[in-house]
N, C-alpha and C. Protein backbone atom coordinates (compact mmCIF):
# COMPACT_ATOMS: atom_id res chain seq x y z
N MET A 1 108.37 129.99 133.18
CA MET A 1 107.83 130.92 134.28
C MET A 1 108.85 131.82 134.32
N SER A 2 108.99 132.61 134.32
CA SER A 2 109.84 134.34 134.27
C SER A 2 110.23 134.22 136.40
N THR A 3 111.24 135.28 136.08
CA THR A 3 111.19 135.56 137.65
C THR A 3 110.51 136.51 138.15
N LEU A 4 110.05 136.57 137.29
CA LEU A 4 108.82 137.43 138.48
C LEU A 4 107.40 135.89 139.13
N GLU A 5 107.31 135.00 138.09
CA GLU A 5 106.75 134.73 138.82
C GLU A 5 106.80 133.38 139.26
N ILE A 6 108.08 132.91 139.41
CA ILE A 6 108.65 132.39 140.47
C ILE A 6 108.58 132.96 142.16
N SER A 7 108.92 134.33 142.02
CA SER A 7 108.92 134.83 142.98
C SER A 7 107.65 134.96 143.64
N ASP A 8 106.61 135.45 143.12
CA ASP A 8 104.79 135.48 143.35
C ASP A 8 104.71 133.94 143.87
N ASP A 9 105.12 133.07 143.35
CA ASP A 9 104.86 131.84 143.66
C ASP A 9 104.84 131.26 145.15
N ALA A 10 106.43 131.45 145.15
CA ALA A 10 107.23 131.32 147.03
C ALA A 10 107.10 132.32 147.43
N MET A 11 106.21 133.87 147.30
CA MET A 11 105.61 134.25 148.47
C MET A 11 104.08 133.94 148.67
N TRP A 12 103.28 133.22 147.34
CA TRP A 12 102.20 132.89 147.71
C TRP A 12 102.27 131.63 148.74
N ARG A 13 103.37 130.89 148.23
CA ARG A 13 103.31 129.48 149.19
C ARG A 13 104.17 129.94 150.65
N GLU A 14 104.03 130.74 150.71
CA GLU A 14 105.17 131.14 152.02
C GLU A 14 104.13 131.72 153.41
N ARG A 15 103.20 133.06 152.28
CA ARG A 15 101.82 133.28 153.42
C ARG A 15 101.00 132.27 153.62
N SER A 16 100.65 131.01 152.76
CA SER A 16 99.94 130.24 152.77
C SER A 16 100.04 129.14 153.66
N VAL A 17 101.50 129.10 154.55
CA VAL A 17 102.28 127.99 155.59
C VAL A 17 101.80 128.98 156.40
N ALA A 18 101.89 130.55 156.32
CA ALA A 18 101.54 131.10 157.71
C ALA A 18 99.50 131.31 157.41
N ILE A 19 99.13 131.14 156.56
CA ILE A 19 97.61 131.69 157.18
C ILE A 19 97.05 129.62 157.80
N SER A 20 97.77 128.69 157.04
CA SER A 20 97.69 127.48 157.19
C SER A 20 97.95 127.61 158.51
N SER A 21 98.64 127.59 159.17
CA SER A 21 99.28 127.31 160.56
C SER A 21 98.21 128.25 162.42
N GLY A 22 98.23 129.67 161.58
CA GLY A 22 96.84 130.11 162.32
C GLY A 22 95.08 129.31 162.52
N LEU A 23 94.84 128.61 160.65
CA LEU A 23 94.04 128.42 160.50
C LEU A 23 93.42 126.84 161.47
N ARG A 24 94.65 126.19 161.20
CA ARG A 24 94.66 124.64 161.94
C ARG A 24 94.74 124.91 163.57
N ASP A 25 94.89 126.07 163.92
CA ASP A 25 95.07 126.51 165.28
C ASP A 25 93.13 126.82 165.58
N ILE A 26 92.60 127.51 164.95
CA ILE A 26 90.97 128.24 164.76
C ILE A 26 90.50 126.75 164.38
N MET A 27 91.20 125.67 163.79
CA MET A 27 90.09 124.24 163.82
C MET A 27 89.90 123.80 165.15
N ASN A 28 90.80 123.63 165.71
CA ASN A 28 91.08 122.91 166.94
C ASN A 28 90.77 123.46 167.89
N SER A 29 90.10 124.68 168.22
CA SER A 29 89.08 125.06 168.72
C SER A 29 87.87 124.77 169.07
N GLY A 30 86.90 125.98 169.70
CA GLY A 30 85.43 125.50 169.52
C GLY A 30 85.52 126.49 168.28
N THR A 31 85.66 127.61 167.76
CA THR A 31 85.56 127.98 166.51
C THR A 31 85.36 126.71 165.21
N GLY A 32 86.42 125.82 165.14
CA GLY A 32 86.34 124.60 164.38
C GLY A 32 85.38 123.79 164.33
N GLN A 33 85.08 123.66 166.15
CA GLN A 33 83.86 122.87 165.45
C GLN A 33 82.46 123.41 165.39
N VAL A 34 82.76 125.05 165.72
CA VAL A 34 81.46 124.96 164.92
C VAL A 34 80.98 125.64 163.59
N THR A 35 82.17 125.28 163.21
CA THR A 35 82.33 125.03 161.62
C THR A 35 82.09 123.50 160.96
N ARG A 36 82.44 122.80 162.02
CA ARG A 36 82.10 121.72 161.49
C ARG A 36 80.62 121.19 160.91
N SER A 37 80.25 121.69 162.84
CA SER A 37 79.04 121.98 162.86
C SER A 37 77.96 122.51 161.68
N ILE A 38 78.38 123.60 160.95
CA ILE A 38 77.82 123.90 159.71
C ILE A 38 77.58 123.30 159.16
N ILE A 39 78.59 122.80 158.79
CA ILE A 39 79.00 122.08 157.21
C ILE A 39 78.40 120.37 157.95
N ASP A 40 78.50 119.58 159.05
CA ASP A 40 77.68 118.83 159.46
C ASP A 40 75.80 118.70 159.21
N GLU A 41 75.50 119.82 159.32
CA GLU A 41 73.84 120.54 158.63
C GLU A 41 73.77 121.00 157.66
N GLN A 42 74.56 121.15 156.58
CA GLN A 42 74.46 121.18 155.29
C GLN A 42 74.61 120.34 155.05
N VAL A 43 75.42 119.00 155.25
CA VAL A 43 75.57 117.79 154.34
C VAL A 43 74.22 117.13 155.09
N LYS A 44 73.37 117.06 155.74
CA LYS A 44 72.06 116.89 156.47
C LYS A 44 71.01 116.78 155.44
N LEU A 45 70.90 118.30 154.56
CA LEU A 45 69.85 118.42 153.59
C LEU A 45 70.21 117.63 153.08
N PHE A 46 71.36 116.65 152.50
CA PHE A 46 71.21 115.48 151.15
C PHE A 46 70.03 114.42 151.53
N LYS A 47 69.27 114.55 152.14
CA LYS A 47 68.94 113.07 152.62
C LYS A 47 68.52 112.06 151.48
N SER A 48 68.00 112.56 150.41
CA SER A 48 67.74 111.91 148.78
C SER A 48 68.70 111.19 148.67
N LEU A 49 69.74 111.53 149.07
CA LEU A 49 70.59 110.59 148.41
C LEU A 49 70.95 109.42 149.24
N PRO A 50 71.43 108.69 148.08
CA PRO A 50 72.06 107.29 148.75
C PRO A 50 72.82 107.40 149.63
N LEU A 51 72.67 106.16 150.77
CA LEU A 51 73.59 106.77 152.29
C LEU A 51 75.34 106.45 151.19
N GLN A 52 75.47 105.90 150.67
CA GLN A 52 77.08 105.92 149.97
C GLN A 52 77.79 107.30 149.30
N ALA A 53 76.33 108.28 148.94
CA ALA A 53 76.97 109.10 147.89
C ALA A 53 77.04 110.01 149.39
N ALA A 54 76.13 109.89 149.52
CA ALA A 54 75.72 111.28 151.28
C ALA A 54 77.25 110.60 152.54
N ASP A 55 77.77 109.64 152.46
CA ASP A 55 78.92 109.71 152.67
C ASP A 55 80.38 110.57 152.21
N ARG A 56 80.04 110.24 150.58
CA ARG A 56 81.08 111.40 148.87
C ARG A 56 80.82 111.87 150.04
N VAL A 57 79.78 112.84 149.76
CA VAL A 57 79.59 114.37 150.00
C VAL A 57 80.48 114.26 151.06
N TYR A 58 80.05 113.77 152.33
CA TYR A 58 80.76 114.14 153.34
C TYR A 58 81.99 114.43 153.09
N ASP A 59 82.78 113.57 152.80
CA ASP A 59 84.80 112.88 152.24
C ASP A 59 84.27 114.60 151.83
N ILE A 60 83.79 114.77 151.06
CA ILE A 60 84.03 115.83 150.19
C ILE A 60 84.72 117.96 150.70
N HIS A 61 83.22 117.49 151.80
CA HIS A 61 83.12 118.79 152.79
C HIS A 61 84.33 118.34 153.67
N ASN A 62 84.88 117.29 153.94
CA ASN A 62 86.02 117.63 154.64
C ASN A 62 87.71 117.42 154.38
N ALA A 63 86.90 117.16 152.94
CA ALA A 63 88.61 117.50 152.05
C ALA A 63 88.43 119.24 152.14
N ALA A 64 86.79 119.62 151.84
CA ALA A 64 87.27 121.45 151.46
C ALA A 64 87.44 121.61 152.83
N ILE A 65 87.09 121.75 154.24
CA ILE A 65 87.59 122.11 154.85
C ILE A 65 89.25 122.10 154.91
N GLU A 66 89.97 121.08 154.26
CA GLU A 66 91.12 121.19 154.64
C GLU A 66 91.84 121.51 154.05
N ALA A 67 91.49 121.76 152.18
CA ALA A 67 91.80 122.68 151.54
C ALA A 67 91.97 124.46 151.44
N VAL A 68 90.99 124.56 152.68
CA VAL A 68 91.07 126.03 153.12
C VAL A 68 91.82 126.18 154.16
N VAL A 69 91.93 125.28 155.27
CA VAL A 69 92.77 124.68 156.19
C VAL A 69 94.18 125.19 155.65
N SER A 70 94.27 124.18 154.35
CA SER A 70 95.88 124.15 154.48
C SER A 70 96.55 125.57 152.99
N GLY A 71 95.70 126.29 152.11
CA GLY A 71 95.78 126.84 151.62
C GLY A 71 96.12 126.43 149.98
N LYS A 72 94.78 125.58 150.02
CA LYS A 72 95.14 124.41 149.10
C LYS A 72 93.64 125.35 147.91
N ARG A 73 93.78 125.21 146.52
CA ARG A 73 93.23 125.55 145.57
C ARG A 73 92.64 124.45 145.50
N SER A 74 91.21 125.22 144.78
CA SER A 74 90.15 124.44 144.69
C SER A 74 90.88 123.14 143.70
N SER A 75 91.24 123.76 142.93
CA SER A 75 91.80 122.86 141.59
C SER A 75 92.36 121.38 141.90
N GLU A 76 93.11 121.84 143.91
CA GLU A 76 93.90 120.07 144.26
C GLU A 76 92.86 118.65 144.90
N LEU A 77 91.44 120.22 144.82
CA LEU A 77 90.32 119.31 145.62
C LEU A 77 89.68 118.85 144.22
N THR A 78 89.36 118.96 142.79
CA THR A 78 88.60 118.77 141.81
C THR A 78 89.56 116.96 141.44
N LYS A 79 90.94 117.46 141.39
CA LYS A 79 91.70 115.70 141.13
C LYS A 79 91.36 115.03 142.17
N GLU A 80 90.97 115.20 143.36
CA GLU A 80 90.44 114.20 143.74
C GLU A 80 89.04 113.51 143.80
N ILE A 81 88.36 115.04 143.79
CA ILE A 81 87.42 114.54 143.31
C ILE A 81 86.99 113.44 141.80
N MET A 82 87.86 114.08 141.05
CA MET A 82 88.17 112.98 139.54
C MET A 82 88.20 111.46 139.75
N ARG A 83 89.41 111.59 140.78
CA ARG A 83 89.19 110.27 141.20
C ARG A 83 88.48 109.29 141.36
N THR A 84 87.29 109.43 141.94
CA THR A 84 86.45 108.92 141.88
C THR A 84 85.53 108.21 140.72
N GLY A 85 86.41 108.69 139.88
CA GLY A 85 85.42 108.05 138.17
C GLY A 85 83.88 108.49 138.37
N ASP A 86 83.30 108.05 137.33
CA ASP A 86 81.35 109.09 137.17
C ASP A 86 81.39 110.20 137.43
N VAL A 87 82.51 111.64 136.77
CA VAL A 87 82.63 112.71 137.91
C VAL A 87 83.29 113.07 136.26
N THR A 88 82.57 114.01 135.33
CA THR A 88 83.49 115.03 134.35
C THR A 88 84.54 116.13 135.16
N GLU A 89 85.49 116.37 134.73
CA GLU A 89 86.25 116.95 134.77
C GLU A 89 85.56 118.82 135.25
N ALA A 90 84.36 118.88 134.66
CA ALA A 90 83.94 120.05 134.85
C ALA A 90 83.12 120.14 135.86
N ARG A 91 82.49 119.06 135.64
CA ARG A 91 81.17 119.33 137.15
C ARG A 91 82.79 118.80 138.79
N ALA A 92 83.17 118.08 138.50
CA ALA A 92 84.44 118.20 139.86
C ALA A 92 85.20 119.45 139.81
N ARG A 93 84.93 120.71 138.87
CA ARG A 93 85.59 121.78 139.05
C ARG A 93 84.47 122.48 139.88
N THR A 94 83.33 122.20 139.50
CA THR A 94 82.28 122.78 139.82
C THR A 94 81.86 122.69 141.38
N ILE A 95 81.77 121.26 141.62
CA ILE A 95 81.38 121.08 142.67
C ILE A 95 82.58 121.40 144.15
N ALA A 96 84.33 120.85 144.02
CA ALA A 96 85.46 121.86 143.96
C ALA A 96 85.14 123.17 144.33
N ARG A 97 85.65 123.87 143.20
CA ARG A 97 84.28 125.62 143.81
C ARG A 97 83.41 125.64 144.76
N THR A 98 82.32 124.94 144.31
CA THR A 98 82.00 124.90 145.91
C THR A 98 81.77 125.02 146.95
N GLU A 99 82.05 124.36 146.86
CA GLU A 99 82.65 122.77 148.16
C GLU A 99 83.56 123.63 149.31
N VAL A 100 84.45 124.00 148.40
CA VAL A 100 85.42 125.05 149.27
C VAL A 100 84.89 126.57 149.27
N GLY A 101 83.67 126.88 148.75
CA GLY A 101 83.38 128.19 149.26
C GLY A 101 82.68 128.21 150.50
N ARG A 102 81.29 127.03 150.06
CA ARG A 102 81.58 126.55 151.40
C ARG A 102 81.57 126.43 153.16
N ALA A 103 82.98 125.63 152.32
CA ALA A 103 83.54 125.42 154.35
C ALA A 103 84.50 126.69 154.48
N SER A 104 84.73 127.61 153.63
CA SER A 104 85.22 129.18 154.11
C SER A 104 84.75 129.74 154.55
N THR A 105 83.08 130.00 153.55
CA THR A 105 82.02 130.67 154.69
C THR A 105 81.91 130.32 155.56
N ALA A 106 81.23 129.10 156.42
CA ALA A 106 81.11 128.22 157.51
C ALA A 106 82.40 128.84 158.46
N LEU A 107 83.70 128.59 158.22
CA LEU A 107 84.40 129.20 158.63
C LEU A 107 84.39 130.98 159.55
N THR A 108 84.71 131.25 158.04
CA THR A 108 83.58 133.03 158.25
C THR A 108 83.10 133.30 159.10
N GLN A 109 81.77 132.25 159.48
CA GLN A 109 80.53 132.39 160.09
C GLN A 109 80.86 132.11 161.20
N ALA A 110 81.83 130.89 161.53
CA ALA A 110 81.98 130.55 162.74
C ALA A 110 82.76 131.65 163.60
N ARG A 111 83.96 132.05 162.92
CA ARG A 111 84.60 133.01 163.62
C ARG A 111 83.93 134.40 163.76
N SER A 112 82.95 134.57 162.82
CA SER A 112 82.25 135.73 163.02
C SER A 112 81.49 135.90 164.03
N THR A 113 80.17 134.86 164.82
CA THR A 113 79.66 134.72 165.40
C THR A 113 80.20 134.98 166.51
N ALA A 114 81.49 134.04 166.33
CA ALA A 114 82.30 133.73 168.34
C ALA A 114 82.80 135.46 168.78
N ILE A 115 82.99 136.41 167.82
CA ILE A 115 83.44 137.70 167.91
C ILE A 115 81.92 138.40 168.33
N GLY A 116 80.71 137.93 168.22
CA GLY A 116 79.67 138.86 168.08
C GLY A 116 79.05 138.93 167.07
N SER A 117 79.47 138.90 166.20
CA SER A 117 78.84 139.61 164.87
C SER A 117 77.46 139.13 164.74
N PRO A 118 76.59 139.67 164.06
CA PRO A 118 75.59 139.59 164.04
C PRO A 118 75.33 139.48 162.31
N GLY A 119 75.62 139.64 161.45
CA GLY A 119 75.84 139.54 160.02
C GLY A 119 77.31 140.14 159.43
N TYR A 120 76.55 139.63 158.09
CA TYR A 120 77.86 140.02 156.82
C TYR A 120 76.83 141.47 155.98
N ILE A 121 77.76 141.96 155.01
CA ILE A 121 77.66 142.76 153.60
C ILE A 121 77.90 141.65 152.86
N TRP A 122 76.78 141.26 152.16
CA TRP A 122 77.10 140.16 150.33
C TRP A 122 77.96 140.91 149.72
N ARG A 123 79.00 140.58 149.34
CA ARG A 123 79.59 141.09 148.20
C ARG A 123 79.94 139.93 147.24
N THR A 124 79.98 140.42 145.55
CA THR A 124 80.22 139.76 144.99
C THR A 124 81.46 140.21 144.15
N ALA A 125 81.53 139.24 143.03
CA ALA A 125 83.12 139.61 142.18
C ALA A 125 82.50 140.49 141.08
N GLU A 126 81.81 141.18 141.62
CA GLU A 126 81.12 142.45 140.74
C GLU A 126 81.71 142.19 139.22
N ASP A 127 81.71 141.47 138.13
CA ASP A 127 81.48 140.98 137.11
C ASP A 127 80.51 140.36 135.72
N SER A 128 80.48 140.25 134.31
CA SER A 128 79.31 140.01 133.54
C SER A 128 78.44 138.61 134.33
N ASP A 129 80.11 137.65 134.91
CA ASP A 129 79.34 136.00 135.21
C ASP A 129 78.42 136.06 136.55
N VAL A 130 78.85 137.53 137.42
CA VAL A 130 77.31 137.30 138.52
C VAL A 130 75.87 137.21 138.23
N ARG A 131 75.29 135.97 138.83
CA ARG A 131 74.03 135.88 138.17
C ARG A 131 72.91 137.05 138.51
N HIS A 132 72.56 137.52 138.31
CA HIS A 132 71.23 138.33 138.78
C HIS A 132 71.27 138.48 139.67
N SER A 133 70.36 137.62 140.66
CA SER A 133 69.40 137.12 141.83
C SER A 133 70.55 137.38 143.20
N HIS A 134 72.46 137.16 142.71
CA HIS A 134 73.08 137.55 143.03
C HIS A 134 73.82 139.56 143.47
N LYS A 135 73.48 139.44 142.32
CA LYS A 135 74.19 141.33 141.56
C LYS A 135 72.70 142.07 142.38
N GLN A 136 71.10 141.19 142.45
CA GLN A 136 70.50 142.07 144.09
C GLN A 136 71.31 142.34 145.08
N MET A 137 71.28 141.25 145.65
CA MET A 137 72.26 141.21 146.58
C MET A 137 72.73 141.64 147.51
N GLU A 138 74.24 142.44 146.24
CA GLU A 138 75.57 142.84 146.90
C GLU A 138 74.67 144.31 147.04
N GLY A 139 75.87 144.55 148.39
CA GLY A 139 76.25 145.68 149.21
C GLY A 139 74.70 145.46 150.84
N LYS A 140 73.59 144.30 150.56
CA LYS A 140 73.21 144.42 151.61
C LYS A 140 73.64 142.98 152.53
N TYR A 141 72.69 143.50 153.84
CA TYR A 141 72.78 143.18 154.93
C TYR A 141 71.97 141.76 155.18
N VAL A 142 73.04 140.46 155.85
CA VAL A 142 72.83 139.73 155.44
C VAL A 142 72.85 139.56 157.48
N ASP A 143 71.94 138.82 158.05
CA ASP A 143 71.42 138.36 159.50
C ASP A 143 72.48 136.80 158.83
N TRP A 144 73.55 136.50 160.45
CA TRP A 144 74.04 135.18 159.90
C TRP A 144 72.90 134.06 159.87
N SER A 145 72.10 134.12 161.12
CA SER A 145 71.16 133.61 161.06
C SER A 145 69.96 133.19 160.21
N LYS A 146 69.51 134.15 159.41
CA LYS A 146 68.54 134.42 158.39
C LYS A 146 69.50 134.21 157.33
N PRO A 147 69.85 133.11 156.35
CA PRO A 147 70.92 132.61 154.92
C PRO A 147 69.22 133.63 154.28
N PRO A 148 69.04 134.06 152.71
CA PRO A 148 68.49 133.84 151.94
C PRO A 148 68.73 132.72 151.31
N THR A 149 67.62 132.96 151.04
CA THR A 149 67.43 132.12 149.99
C THR A 149 66.79 132.91 147.86
N LEU A 150 67.96 131.62 147.29
CA LEU A 150 67.88 132.75 146.09
C LEU A 150 68.10 131.98 145.46
N ASP A 151 66.99 132.02 144.14
CA ASP A 151 66.94 130.55 143.38
C ASP A 151 66.62 129.46 143.38
N GLY A 152 65.42 129.32 144.56
CA GLY A 152 64.96 128.19 145.32
C GLY A 152 66.59 127.17 146.40
N MET A 153 67.03 127.97 146.35
CA MET A 153 68.55 127.44 147.57
C MET A 153 68.41 128.16 148.07
N THR A 154 68.93 127.66 149.34
CA THR A 154 68.92 128.94 150.52
C THR A 154 70.62 128.76 151.30
N GLY A 155 71.12 129.66 151.77
CA GLY A 155 72.69 130.08 151.84
C GLY A 155 73.43 131.59 152.21
N HIS A 156 74.22 131.94 152.61
CA HIS A 156 75.14 132.74 152.48
C HIS A 156 75.81 133.09 151.21
N ALA A 157 76.69 134.04 151.06
CA ALA A 157 77.73 134.51 150.18
C ALA A 157 78.45 133.08 150.49
N GLY A 158 78.65 132.98 149.33
CA GLY A 158 79.73 131.63 148.55
C GLY A 158 79.30 130.38 148.97
N GLN A 159 78.27 129.96 149.23
CA GLN A 159 78.29 129.03 149.81
C GLN A 159 77.04 128.14 148.94
N PHE A 160 76.78 128.92 147.27
CA PHE A 160 75.87 128.27 146.21
C PHE A 160 77.03 127.81 145.34
N PRO A 161 76.13 126.67 144.51
CA PRO A 161 77.28 126.41 143.40
C PRO A 161 77.86 127.17 142.36
N ASN A 162 78.70 127.26 142.29
CA ASN A 162 79.94 128.08 141.48
C ASN A 162 79.85 129.35 141.84
N CYS A 163 79.28 129.90 143.29
CA CYS A 163 79.42 131.35 143.75
C CYS A 163 80.35 131.82 143.91
N ARG A 164 80.69 132.79 143.68
CA ARG A 164 81.98 133.64 143.93
C ARG A 164 81.93 134.57 145.00
N CYS A 165 81.17 134.94 145.63
CA CYS A 165 80.29 135.83 146.66
C CYS A 165 81.21 135.93 147.81
N TYR A 166 81.06 136.05 148.32
CA TYR A 166 81.49 136.58 149.38
C TYR A 166 81.22 137.50 150.84
N PRO A 167 80.98 136.88 151.97
CA PRO A 167 80.84 137.91 153.29
C PRO A 167 81.56 138.38 153.76
N GLU A 168 81.14 139.89 153.72
CA GLU A 168 81.99 140.85 154.45
C GLU A 168 81.83 141.28 155.94
N VAL A 169 82.34 140.61 156.62
CA VAL A 169 81.67 140.86 158.34
C VAL A 169 81.39 142.04 158.59
N VAL A 170 80.63 141.84 159.34
CA VAL A 170 80.43 143.50 160.04
C VAL A 170 80.39 143.48 161.45
N ILE A 171 81.74 143.87 161.78
CA ILE A 171 82.47 143.60 162.98
C ILE A 171 81.23 144.62 164.37
N PRO A 172 80.75 143.79 165.83
CA PRO A 172 80.19 144.68 166.44
C PRO A 172 80.81 145.90 167.35
N GLU A 173 81.02 146.98 167.01
CA GLU A 173 80.81 147.82 168.73
C GLU A 173 81.37 147.10 169.24
N SER A 174 82.70 148.35 169.59
CA SER A 174 83.45 147.59 171.61
C SER A 174 82.37 148.06 172.37
């Protein structure tokens, strides 16, 4: 590892600790309660899963929230998902990325609505891997209360499987 890589890694870790501290404060506030309720509602959508699997989904959601708050990467959540057995590494990676995205967007939504944001501008990764339906959303305004349905699934930017899109929050004028 080069000196530059070591320096970058140290800087990333330092900033991650600072961000994590701020996010923990948020998660212990009303905004954190809203974030958890948004994710709890998402878990309820899995009614068709057996109870044990639904409990595991709930555990993964909570681990994803913790990963976002702690500044962990989805790769760390992938390892935890793999520990359950019965899942390939590729599938665990997909689940981890998806759940970290859902948790991150839920936190963004809770924080945004707390300051009166009515919605956001949908942003993509702007590369060749972006799904057609998501490319069509690029730059469009989305109301927080009306998530779009794309490819038969409903959710906000970053909440779809393997989605790398993100919400660019519209901040209300004072």
